[in-house]
C-alpha atoms as a PDB file:
ATOM      1  CA  MET A   1      33.524  70.747-126.075  1.00  0.00           C
ATOM      2  CA  ARG A   2      30.182  71.328-124.410  1.00  0.00           C
ATOM      3  CA  LYS A   3      31.030  69.483-121.378  1.00  0.00           C
ATOM      4  CA  LYS A   4      34.815  71.107-121.711  1.00  0.00           C
ATOM      5  CA  PHE A   5      32.493  74.700-121.638  1.00  0.00           C
ATOM      6  CA  LEU A   6      30.532  74.057-118.727  1.00  0.00           C
ATOM      7  CA  LEU A   7      33.377  72.960-116.644  1.00  0.00           C
ATOM      8  CA  CYS A   8      35.273  75.970-117.037  1.00  0.00           C
ATOM      9  CA  VAL A   9      31.839  78.114-116.687  1.00  0.00           C
ATOM     10  CA  CYS A  10      31.177  75.510-112.869  1.00  0.00           C
ATOM     11  CA  MET A  11      34.430  75.983-112.072  1.00  0.00           C
ATOM     12  CA  ILE A  12      34.503  79.899-112.784  1.00  0.00           C
ATOM     13  CA  LEU A  13      31.662  80.257-110.338  1.00  0.00           C
ATOM     14  CA  CYS A  14      32.388  78.137-107.775  1.00  0.00           C
ATOM     15  CA  MET A  15      35.761  80.492-107.494  1.00  0.00           C
ATOM     16  CA  VAL A  16      33.344  83.398-107.531  1.00  0.00           C
ATOM     17  CA  PHE A  17      31.640  82.084-104.879  1.00  0.00           C
ATOM     18  CA  CYS A  18      34.141  81.327-102.514  1.00  0.00           C
ATOM     19  CA  MET A  19      35.920  84.526-102.771  1.00  0.00           C
ATOM     20  CA  ALA A  20      32.419  86.442-101.953  1.00  0.00           C
ATOM     21  CA  ALA A  21      31.955  84.002 -98.672  1.00  0.00           C
ATOM     22  CA  VAL A  22      35.199  84.396 -97.639  1.00  0.00           C
ATOM     23  CA  THR A  23      34.937  88.368 -98.115  1.00  0.00           C
ATOM     24  CA  GLY A  24      31.818  88.269 -96.313  1.00  0.00           C
ATOM     25  CA  CYS A  25      33.442  86.331 -93.480  1.00  0.00           C
ATOM     26  CA  SER A  26      36.146  89.587 -92.964  1.00  0.00           C
ATOM     27  CA  LEU A  27      33.473  91.910 -93.032  1.00  0.00           C
ATOM     28  CA  THR A  28      32.327  93.539 -89.439  1.00  0.00           C
ATOM     29  CA  ARG A  29      29.890  95.594 -88.703  1.00  0.00           C
ATOM     30  CA  GLU A  30      30.962  99.017 -88.615  1.00  0.00           C
ATOM     31  CA  ASN A  31      30.441 100.236 -84.842  1.00  0.00           C
ATOM     32  CA  PRO A  32      29.081 103.960 -84.688  1.00  0.00           C
ATOM     33  CA  LYS A  33      31.336 104.221 -81.205  1.00  0.00           C
ATOM     34  CA  LEU A  34      34.284 103.764 -83.006  1.00  0.00           C
ATOM     35  CA  ASP A  35      33.956 106.490 -85.394  1.00  0.00           C
ATOM     36  CA  LYS A  36      37.373 107.051 -87.590  1.00  0.00           C
ATOM     37  CA  ARG A  37      37.018 110.931 -87.713  1.00  0.00           C
ATOM     38  CA  THR A  38      35.418 111.165 -83.852  1.00  0.00           C
ATOM     39  CA  LEU A  39      38.266 109.291 -82.350  1.00  0.00           C
ATOM     40  CA  THR A  40      41.420 110.598 -84.668  1.00  0.00           C
ATOM     41  CA  LYS A  41      39.662 114.504 -83.444  1.00  0.00           C
ATOM     42  CA  GLN A  42      39.627 112.566 -79.724  1.00  0.00           C
ATOM     43  CA  THR A  43      43.430 111.591 -79.910  1.00  0.00           C
ATOM     44  CA  GLU A  44      44.955 114.778 -81.796  1.00  0.00           C
ATOM     45  CA  SER A  45      43.137 117.026 -78.584  1.00  0.00           C
ATOM     46  CA  SER A  46      44.896 114.770 -76.049  1.00  0.00           C
ATOM     47  CA  ALA A  47      47.948 115.295 -78.058  1.00  0.00           C
ATOM     48  CA  ALA A  48      47.523 118.832 -77.896  1.00  0.00           C
ATOM     49  CA  ASP A  49      46.750 118.720 -74.289  1.00  0.00           C
ATOM     50  CA  TRP A  50      50.102 116.964 -73.884  1.00  0.00           C
ATOM     51  CA  PHE A  51      52.412 119.837 -75.079  1.00  0.00           C
ATOM     52  CA  GLN A  52      49.965 122.392 -72.947  1.00  0.00           C
ATOM     53  CA  CYS A  53      49.877 120.670 -69.450  1.00  0.00           C
ATOM     54  CA  ASP A  54      52.962 121.439 -67.257  1.00  0.00           C
ATOM     55  CA  TYR A  55      54.297 117.979 -66.206  1.00  0.00           C
ATOM     56  CA  ASP A  56      57.337 119.761 -63.831  1.00  0.00           C
ATOM     57  CA  ALA A  57      54.517 122.268 -61.976  1.00  0.00           C
ATOM     58  CA  MET A  58      52.623 119.305 -61.242  1.00  0.00           C
ATOM     59  CA  VAL A  59      55.794 116.939 -60.036  1.00  0.00           C
ATOM     60  CA  SER A  60      57.360 120.028 -57.980  1.00  0.00           C
ATOM     61  CA  VAL A  61      53.858 120.243 -56.593  1.00  0.00           C
ATOM     62  CA  PHE A  62      52.734 116.468 -55.923  1.00  0.00           C
ATOM     63  CA  GLY A  63      55.718 114.316 -56.716  1.00  0.00           C
ATOM     64  CA  LYS A  64      57.361 113.835 -52.988  1.00  0.00           C
ATOM     65  CA  MET A  65      54.145 113.085 -51.207  1.00  0.00           C
ATOM     66  CA  SER A  66      53.034 109.699 -50.391  1.00  0.00           C
ATOM     67  CA  GLU A  67      49.719 107.849 -51.345  1.00  0.00           C
ATOM     68  CA  LYS A  68      48.411 108.809 -47.557  1.00  0.00           C
ATOM     69  CA  GLU A  69      49.610 112.861 -47.887  1.00  0.00           C
ATOM     70  CA  LEU A  70      48.165 112.783 -51.508  1.00  0.00           C
ATOM     71  CA  GLU A  71      45.029 111.820 -50.729  1.00  0.00           C
ATOM     72  CA  LYS A  72      44.231 113.785 -47.674  1.00  0.00           C
ATOM     73  CA  ASN A  73      45.457 116.969 -49.849  1.00  0.00           C
ATOM     74  CA  LEU A  74      43.028 115.912 -53.263  1.00  0.00           C
ATOM     75  CA  ALA A  75      40.461 115.227 -50.075  1.00  0.00           C
ATOM     76  CA  GLN A  76      41.076 119.080 -48.976  1.00  0.00           C
ATOM     77  CA  ASN A  77      41.074 120.844 -52.515  1.00  0.00           C
ATOM     78  CA  ASP A  78      39.038 120.844 -55.309  1.00  0.00           C
ATOM     79  CA  TYR A  79      41.257 120.752 -58.305  1.00  0.00           C
ATOM     80  CA  VAL A  80      39.281 120.010 -60.572  1.00  0.00           C
ATOM     81  CA  SER A  81      36.962 122.825 -60.244  1.00  0.00           C
ATOM     82  CA  ILE A  82      40.120 125.092 -59.865  1.00  0.00           C
ATOM     83  CA  ALA A  83      41.084 123.831 -63.865  1.00  0.00           C
ATOM     84  CA  GLU A  84      37.930 124.361 -64.650  1.00  0.00           C
ATOM     85  CA  MET A  85      37.417 128.092 -63.486  1.00  0.00           C
ATOM     86  CA  TYR A  86      41.168 129.411 -63.800  1.00  0.00           C
ATOM     87  CA  GLY A  87      42.594 126.991 -65.831  1.00  0.00           C
ATOM     88  CA  LYS A  88      42.036 128.338 -68.987  1.00  0.00           C
ATOM     89  CA  MET A  89      42.139 132.322 -68.338  1.00  0.00           C
ATOM     90  CA  SER A  90      45.449 133.904 -69.441  1.00  0.00           C
ATOM     91  CA  ASP A  91      47.518 136.361 -66.908  1.00  0.00           C
ATOM     92  CA  GLU A  92      45.558 139.073 -67.876  1.00  0.00           C
ATOM     93  CA  GLU A  93      42.097 137.682 -67.226  1.00  0.00           C
ATOM     94  CA  LEU A  94      43.385 136.420 -64.135  1.00  0.00           C
ATOM     95  CA  LEU A  95      44.430 139.485 -62.570  1.00  0.00           C
ATOM     96  CA  SER A  96      41.002 140.177 -63.328  1.00  0.00           C
ATOM     97  CA  ALA A  97      39.066 137.822 -61.571  1.00  0.00           C
ATOM     98  CA  LEU A  98      41.655 137.977 -58.394  1.00  0.00           C
ATOM     99  CA  SER A  99      42.213 141.748 -57.696  1.00  0.00           C
ATOM    100  CA  ALA A 100      39.143 141.604 -55.525  1.00  0.00           C
ATOM    101  CA  TYR A 101      40.734 138.804 -53.543  1.00  0.00           C
ATOM    102  CA  GLY A 102      43.905 141.110 -53.067  1.00  0.00           C
ATOM    103  CA  TYR A 103      46.215 139.798 -55.443  1.00  0.00           C
ATOM    104  CA  ASP A 104      48.397 141.707 -57.430  1.00  0.00           C
ATOM    105  CA  GLN A 105      50.190 140.115 -60.747  1.00  0.00           C
ATOM    106  CA  ALA A 106      53.322 138.757 -58.267  1.00  0.00           C
ATOM    107  CA  GLY A 107      50.681 136.876 -56.445  1.00  0.00           C
ATOM    108  CA  VAL A 108      48.922 136.024 -59.303  1.00  0.00           C
ATOM    109  CA  GLU A 109      51.769 134.705 -60.981  1.00  0.00           C
ATOM    110  CA  SER A 110      53.130 132.669 -57.878  1.00  0.00           C
ATOM    111  CA  LEU A 111      49.308 131.556 -57.419  1.00  0.00           C
ATOM    112  CA  LYS A 112      49.188 130.192 -60.963  1.00  0.00           C
ATOM    113  CA  LYS A 113      52.944 128.418 -61.025  1.00  0.00           C
ATOM    114  CA  THR A 114      52.092 126.815 -57.121  1.00  0.00           C
ATOM    115  CA  MET A 115      47.845 125.913 -57.702  1.00  0.00           C
ATOM    116  CA  ILE A 116      46.429 126.897 -61.136  1.00  0.00           C
ATOM    117  CA  VAL A 117      48.870 124.945 -63.432  1.00  0.00           C
ATOM    118  CA  PRO A 118      49.408 121.932 -61.311  1.00  0.00           C
ATOM    119  CA  ALA A 119      45.544 121.842 -60.688  1.00  0.00           C
ATOM    120  CA  VAL A 120      45.310 121.655 -64.307  1.00  0.00           C
ATOM    121  CA  ALA A 121      47.963 118.947 -64.756  1.00  0.00           C
ATOM    122  CA  ILE A 122      46.182 116.749 -61.784  1.00  0.00           C
ATOM    123  CA  SER A 123      42.689 117.367 -62.610  1.00  0.00           C
ATOM    124  CA  LYS A 124      43.328 115.256 -66.193  1.00  0.00           C
ATOM    125  CA  LEU A 125      44.694 112.249 -63.754  1.00  0.00           C
ATOM    126  CA  ILE A 126      41.949 113.082 -61.608  1.00  0.00           C
ATOM    127  CA  GLU A 127      39.212 112.554 -64.180  1.00  0.00           C
ATOM    128  CA  GLN A 128      41.443 109.332 -65.586  1.00  0.00           C
ATOM    129  CA  HIS A 129      41.556 107.462 -62.373  1.00  0.00           C
ATOM    130  CA  GLY A 130      38.751 108.718 -60.287  1.00  0.00           C
ATOM    131  CA  ASP A 131      39.175 107.705 -56.582  1.00  0.00           C
ATOM    132  CA  ASP A 132      42.259 105.536 -57.430  1.00  0.00           C
ATOM    133  CA  ILE A 133      45.136 107.072 -55.067  1.00  0.00           C
ATOM    134  CA  ALA A 134      47.971 104.481 -56.526  1.00  0.00           C
ATOM    135  CA  ALA A 135      46.753 104.939 -60.209  1.00  0.00           C
ATOM    136  CA  ILE A 136      47.099 108.584 -59.546  1.00  0.00           C
ATOM    137  CA  LYS A 137      50.324 108.630 -58.165  1.00  0.00           C
ATOM    138  CA  ALA A 138      51.258 106.583 -60.869  1.00  0.00           C
ATOM    139  CA  GLY A 139      50.398 109.025 -63.465  1.00  0.00           C
ATOM    140  CA  ILE A 140      52.570 111.674 -61.091  1.00  0.00           C
ATOM    141  CA  ASP A 141      55.782 109.230 -61.180  1.00  0.00           C
ATOM    142  CA  GLU A 142      55.398 108.904 -64.935  1.00  0.00           C
ATOM    143  CA  GLY A 143      54.915 113.018 -65.468  1.00  0.00           C
ATOM    144  CA  ARG A 144      58.511 113.062 -64.387  1.00  0.00           C
ATOM    145  CA  GLU A 145      59.507 111.158 -67.466  1.00  0.00           C
ATOM    146  CA  TYR A 146      57.163 113.892 -69.635  1.00  0.00           C
ATOM    147  CA  ALA A 147      58.675 116.738 -67.971  1.00  0.00           C
ATOM    148  CA  LYS A 148      62.126 115.758 -69.288  1.00  0.00           C
ATOM    149  CA  MET A 149      60.645 114.329 -72.532  1.00  0.00           C
ATOM    150  CA  GLN A 150      59.081 117.857 -73.228  1.00  0.00           C
ATOM    151  CA  LYS A 151      62.575 119.917 -72.352  1.00  0.00           C
ATOM    152  CA  LYS A 152      63.604 117.693 -74.621  1.00  0.00           C
ATOM    153  CA  TYR A 153      61.173 117.953 -77.477  1.00  0.00           C
ATOM    154  CA  GLY A 154      59.427 121.458 -76.996  1.00  0.00           C
ATOM    155  CA  ALA A 155      56.559 122.640 -78.037  1.00  0.00           C
ATOM    156  CA  MET A 156      54.720 120.744 -80.508  1.00  0.00           C
ATOM    157  CA  LYS A 157      54.333 122.221 -84.311  1.00  0.00           C
ATOM    158  CA  LYS A 158      51.980 121.267 -85.961  1.00  0.00           C
ATOM    159  CA  ILE A 159      50.007 117.146 -86.647  1.00  0.00           C
ATOM    160  CA  GLU A 160      52.293 115.122 -89.438  1.00  0.00           C
ATOM    161  CA  ASN A 161      50.233 112.001 -90.430  1.00  0.00           C
ATOM    162  CA  THR A 162      47.093 110.298 -88.419  1.00  0.00           C
ATOM    163  CA  ASP A 163      46.627 106.666 -88.650  1.00  0.00           C
ATOM    164  CA  TYR A 164      43.812 104.636 -88.131  1.00  0.00           C
ATOM    165  CA  SER A 165      43.362 101.236 -87.608  1.00  0.00           C
ATOM    166  CA  LEU A 166      39.517  99.188 -86.328  1.00  0.00           C
ATOM    167  CA  ALA A 167      39.546  95.528 -85.189  1.00  0.00           C
ATOM    168  CA  SER A 168      36.789  93.509 -84.307  1.00  0.00           C
ATOM    169  CA  ASN A 169      35.922  95.075 -80.639  1.00  0.00           C
ATOM    170  CA  SER A 170      38.547  98.214 -80.381  1.00  0.00           C
ATOM    171  CA  ALA A 171      40.274 100.813 -82.658  1.00  0.00           C
ATOM    172  CA  SER A 172      43.805 102.886 -82.141  1.00  0.00           C
ATOM    173  CA  VAL A 173      44.325 106.090 -83.496  1.00  0.00           C
ATOM    174  CA  ALA A 174      48.449 107.063 -83.612  1.00  0.00           C
ATOM    175  CA  VAL A 175      49.120 110.641 -83.966  1.00  0.00           C
ATOM    176  CA  THR A 176      52.591 111.457 -85.610  1.00  0.00           C
ATOM    177  CA  VAL A 177      53.364 115.294 -84.563  1.00  0.00           C
ATOM    178  CA  SER A 178      56.665 117.431 -85.217  1.00  0.00           C
ATOM    179  CA  THR A 179      57.935 119.462 -82.415  1.00  0.00           C
ATOM    180  CA  GLU A 180      60.254 122.902 -82.205  1.00  0.00           C
ATOM    181  CA  LYS A 181      63.031 121.025 -80.769  1.00  0.00           C
ATOM    182  CA  ALA A 182      64.153 117.108 -81.437  1.00  0.00           C
ATOM    183  CA  GLY A 183      62.093 115.795 -84.388  1.00  0.00           C
ATOM    184  CA  LYS A 184      58.586 114.138 -84.003  1.00  0.00           C
ATOM    185  CA  LEU A 185      56.844 112.422 -81.758  1.00  0.00           C
ATOM    186  CA  VAL A 186      54.002 109.332 -81.670  1.00  0.00           C
ATOM    187  CA  VAL A 187      50.967 109.613 -79.657  1.00  0.00           C
ATOM    188  CA  THR A 188      49.228 106.910 -79.551  1.00  0.00           C
ATOM    189  CA  ALA A 189      45.443 106.095 -78.323  1.00  0.00           C
ATOM    190  CA  THR A 190      43.202 102.764 -78.218  1.00  0.00           C
ATOM    191  CA  TYR A 191      39.931 102.481 -77.704  1.00  0.00           C
ATOM    192  CA  ASP A 192      37.435 100.299 -76.457  1.00  0.00           C
ATOM    193  CA  GLU A 193      34.248  99.253 -78.109  1.00  0.00           C
ATOM    194  CA  GLU A 194      32.424 101.773 -76.212  1.00  0.00           C
ATOM    195  CA  GLY A 195      34.538 104.126 -77.372  1.00  0.00           C
ATOM    196  CA  LYS A 196      36.189 104.683 -74.561  1.00  0.00           C
ATOM    197  CA  GLN A 197      40.054 105.349 -74.312  1.00  0.00           C
ATOM    198  CA  THR A 198      42.276 102.112 -72.284  1.00  0.00           C
ATOM    199  CA  ASP A 199      45.197 103.182 -73.465  1.00  0.00           C
ATOM    200  CA  TRP A 200      47.389 105.648 -73.777  1.00  0.00           C
ATOM    201  CA  LYS A 201      51.040 106.183 -74.806  1.00  0.00           C
ATOM    202  CA  ILE A 202      53.619 109.062 -75.950  1.00  0.00           C
ATOM    203  CA  GLU A 203      57.220 108.174 -77.800  1.00  0.00           C
ATOM    204  CA  PRO A 204      59.640 109.301 -80.127  1.00  0.00           C
ATOM    205  CA  TYR A 205      59.211 108.806 -83.756  1.00  0.00           C
ATOM    206  CA  GLN A 206      61.104 105.845 -85.537  1.00  0.00           C
ATOM    207  CA  SER A 207      61.677 106.197 -89.216  1.00  0.00           C
ATOM    208  CA  VAL A 208      61.403 102.571 -91.422  1.00  0.00           C
ATOM    209  CA  GLY A 209      65.197 102.886 -91.681  1.00  0.00           C
ATOM    210  CA  GLN A 210      65.472 103.112 -87.884  1.00  0.00           C
ATOM    211  CA  ILE A 211      63.309 100.384 -87.132  1.00  0.00           C
ATOM    212  CA  MET A 212      65.638  98.068 -89.894  1.00  0.00           C
ATOM    213  CA  GLY A 213      68.566  99.228 -88.580  1.00  0.00           C
ATOM    214  CA  ARG A 214      67.186  98.280 -84.880  1.00  0.00           C
ATOM    215  CA  ALA A 215      66.074  94.730 -86.500  1.00  0.00           C
ATOM    216  CA  ALA A 216      69.071  94.110 -87.878  1.00  0.00           C
ATOM    217  CA  LEU A 217      71.437  94.746 -84.681  1.00  0.00           C
ATOM    218  CA  ASN A 218      69.167  93.034 -83.080  1.00  0.00           C
ATOM    219  CA  THR A 219      69.652  89.837 -85.562  1.00  0.00           C
ATOM    220  CA  VAL A 220      73.561  90.359 -85.100  1.00  0.00           C
ATOM    221  CA  MET A 221      73.694  90.547 -81.795  1.00  0.00           C
ATOM    222  CA  ALA A 222      71.535  87.040 -81.486  1.00  0.00           C
ATOM    223  CA  MET A 223      73.623  85.358 -84.224  1.00  0.00           C
ATOM    224  CA  ALA A 224      76.674  86.512 -82.559  1.00  0.00           C
ATOM    225  CA  ILE A 225      74.986  84.934 -78.731  1.00  0.00           C
ATOM    226  CA  VAL A 226      74.158  81.711 -80.669  1.00  0.00           C
ATOM    227  CA  PHE A 227      77.811  81.373 -82.082  1.00  0.00           C
ATOM    228  CA  LEU A 228      79.612  82.330 -79.019  1.00  0.00           C
ATOM    229  CA  VAL A 229      77.143  79.414 -77.293  1.00  0.00           C
ATOM    230  CA  LEU A 230      78.176  76.911 -80.111  1.00  0.00           C
ATOM    231  CA  ILE A 231      81.854  77.471 -79.741  1.00  0.00           C
ATOM    232  CA  PHE A 232      81.605  77.422 -76.063  1.00  0.00           C
ATOM    233  CA  ILE A 233      79.980  73.835 -76.870  1.00  0.00           C
ATOM    234  CA  ALA A 234      82.615  72.574 -79.233  1.00  0.00           C
ATOM    235  CA  LEU A 235      85.411  73.606 -76.612  1.00  0.00           C
ATOM    236  CA  ILE A 236      83.405  71.362 -73.917  1.00  0.00           C
ATOM    237  CA  ILE A 237      82.935  68.554 -76.449  1.00  0.00           C
ATOM    238  CA  SER A 238      86.636  68.698 -77.750  1.00  0.00           C
ATOM    239  CA  CYS A 239      87.796  68.517 -73.857  1.00  0.00           C
ATOM    240  CA  PHE A 240      86.313  65.446 -73.532  1.00  0.00           C
ATOM    241  CA  LYS A 241      88.871  63.987 -75.805  1.00  0.00           C
ATOM    242  CA  ILE A 242      91.600  65.293 -72.968  1.00  0.00           C
ATOM    243  CA  ILE A 243      90.221  63.731 -70.181  1.00  0.00           C
ATOM    244  CA  ASN A 244      89.876  60.303 -71.545  1.00  0.00           C
ATOM    245  CA  ARG A 245      93.597  60.592 -72.609  1.00  0.00           C
ATOM    246  CA  LEU A 246      94.200  61.525 -68.888  1.00  0.00           C
ATOM    247  CA  GLN A 247      92.081  58.605 -67.782  1.00  0.00           C
ATOM    248  CA  ASP A 248      94.001  56.109 -70.016  1.00  0.00           C
ATOM    249  CA  ARG A 249      97.522  57.375 -68.325  1.00  0.00           C
ATOM    250  CA  GLN A 250      96.262  57.277 -65.061  1.00  0.00           C
ATOM    251  CA  THR A 251      94.721  53.226 -65.370  1.00  0.00           C
ATOM    252  CA  GLN A 252      98.453  52.340 -67.599  1.00  0.00           C
ATOM    253  CA  THR A 253     100.366  53.851 -64.454  1.00  0.00           C
ATOM    254  CA  GLU A 254      97.980  52.246 -61.831  1.00  0.00           C
ATOM    255  CA  ALA A 255      98.560  48.600 -63.670  1.00  0.00           C
ATOM    256  CA  ALA A 256     101.789  49.120 -63.817  1.00  0.00           C
ATOM    257  CA  ALA A 257     102.393  50.184 -59.949  1.00  0.00           C
ATOM    258  CA  PRO A 258     102.013  46.991 -59.144  1.00  0.00           C
ATOM    259  CA  ALA A 259     103.975  45.011 -61.802  1.00  0.00           C
ATOM    260  CA  VAL A 260     107.356  46.147 -60.357  1.00  0.00           C
ATOM    261  CA  PRO A 261     107.471  44.735 -57.059  1.00  0.00           C
ATOM    262  CA  ALA A 262     106.356  41.634 -58.963  1.00  0.00           C
ATOM    263  CA  ALA A 263     109.083  41.946 -61.274  1.00  0.00           C
ATOM    264  CA  VAL A 264     111.737  41.924 -57.945  1.00  0.00           C
ATOM    265  CA  GLN A 265     110.111  39.138 -56.641  1.00  0.00           C
ATOM    266  CA  GLU A 266     110.710  36.933 -59.661  1.00  0.00           C
ATOM    267  CA  ALA A 267     113.987  38.212 -59.742  1.00  0.00           C
ATOM    268  CA  GLN A 268     114.762  37.345 -56.151  1.00  0.00           C
ATOM    269  CA  ALA A 269     112.845  34.194 -56.669  1.00  0.00           C
ATOM    270  CA  PRO A 270     115.715  32.206 -58.622  1.00  0.00           C
ATOM    271  CA  GLU A 271     118.124  32.897 -56.562  1.00  0.00           C
ATOM    272  CA  GLU A 272     116.520  31.538 -53.487  1.00  0.00           C
ATOM    273  CA  ASN A 273     115.679  28.134 -55.558  1.00  0.00           C
ATOM    274  CA  LEU A 274     119.345  27.840 -56.741  1.00  0.00           C
ATOM    275  CA  ALA A 275     120.441  28.120 -53.123  1.00  0.00           C
ATOM    276  CA  ASP A 276     117.999  25.240 -52.482  1.00  0.00           C
ATOM    277  CA  ASP A 277     118.808  22.905 -55.276  1.00  0.00           C
ATOM    278  CA  LEU A 278     122.929  23.582 -54.295  1.00  0.00           C
ATOM    279  CA  GLU A 279     121.741  21.972 -51.377  1.00  0.00           C
ATOM    280  CA  LEU A 280     119.891  19.551 -52.767  1.00  0.00           C
ATOM    281  CA  VAL A 281     122.713  18.779 -55.057  1.00  0.00           C
ATOM    282  CA  ALA A 282     125.402  18.069 -52.438  1.00  0.00           C
ATOM    283  CA  VAL A 283     122.862  15.737 -50.595  1.00  0.00           C
ATOM    284  CA  ILE A 284     122.192  14.032 -53.752  1.00  0.00           C
ATOM    285  CA  THR A 285     125.871  13.361 -54.718  1.00  0.00           C
ATOM    286  CA  ALA A 286     126.572  12.298 -51.296  1.00  0.00           C
ATOM    287  CA  ALA A 287     124.101   9.878 -51.086  1.00  0.00           C
ATOM    288  CA  ILE A 288     124.914   8.530 -54.754  1.00  0.00           C
ATOM    289  CA  MET A 289     128.755   8.086 -53.430  1.00  0.00           C
ATOM    290  CA  ALA A 290     127.957   6.278 -50.902  1.00  0.00           C
ATOM    291  CA  ALA A 291     125.632   3.674 -52.645  1.00  0.00           C
ATOM    292  CA  SER A 292     128.379   3.368 -54.953  1.00  0.00           C
ATOM    293  CA  GLU A 293     131.416   2.843 -52.564  1.00  0.00           C
ATOM    294  CA  GLY A 294     133.890   3.962 -54.968  1.00  0.00           C
ATOM    295  CA  GLU A 295     132.755   3.167 -58.184  1.00  0.00           C
ATOM    296  CA  TYR A 296     133.234   7.067 -59.237  1.00  0.00           C
ATOM    297  CA  SER A 297     136.932   7.662 -57.487  1.00  0.00           C
ATOM    298  CA  ASP A 298     137.470   9.836 -60.451  1.00  0.00           C
ATOM    299  CA  GLY A 299     134.764  12.138 -59.352  1.00  0.00           C
ATOM    300  CA  LEU A 300     131.123  12.381 -59.992  1.00  0.00           C
ATOM    301  CA  CYS A 301     129.266  15.999 -61.425  1.00  0.00           C
ATOM    302  CA  VAL A 302     125.649  16.117 -61.271  1.00  0.00           C
ATOM    303  CA  ARG A 303     124.926  18.037 -63.974  1.00  0.00           C
ATOM    304  CA  SER A 304     120.879  18.603 -63.792  1.00  0.00           C
ATOM    305  CA  ILE A 305     117.983  17.851 -61.062  1.00  0.00           C
ATOM    306  CA  VAL A 306     114.434  16.951 -62.593  1.00  0.00           C
ATOM    307  CA  ARG A 307     111.528  16.706 -60.103  1.00  0.00           C
ATOM    308  CA  ARG A 308     108.523  14.511 -61.068  1.00  0.00           C
ATOM    309  CA  LEU A 309     105.164  14.904 -59.188  1.00  0.00           C
END
């Protein structure tokens, strides 16, 4: 009894030790640069900036420029400074600041639409990509889709949910935002081990039912394609029997074709042999009559001739 008790205790201690070892191996050091609260605030701020950014105005100004034209334009204008100086001003503040330069209310509105608002949008791309003109151009092209999405969903209402996930050397934050017109959007940002944003995307929100429905549809389509391919293969295999039958018929036809002349020759051969035999019979009969010297005056009849080799 004592041995059994000690055995059970040892087994329990071993299990506890193994669980502690596994748990200890799964733990990762906490990275202060991947703080949940900090990254969540940054992502929420990025989502708010996206709704406030006028991508339509940016595309209307910079969308038709080539990379060379865009590089030249960015070199001539300091859009980052313009955005920092005038981007957050209200219409009254802009009118007050620009009236000294001769701008009235209509001029301020025109300047805001053609210069200040596009400067705010392009400045974010400049801060993100630096001197990489190709990346800035790609961001402007991507702004076309963003402009369509802003028209479809409208302004931001509130943040519905925030999901934070931490890996060994990276973190990602997904912020679900409700909109005024067409449901929800999900803003997802990924950060490296230094806390720098490496990826950012915004996409329509999908519920669990929608995801499962799409997965079921994909499954049905995949199964349908598999069955169609199997049916096609089965039809091809079934055609092999017909092909074999056709080949057998062709072989039989080819084999029977030369047999007809042979049969004709065999049918003609007896007639030719019969004529030769009649001549031979006549000759033999004459020879026998001459040798018998009248013994067979009542007639001689040769019924058969047998050749001996």
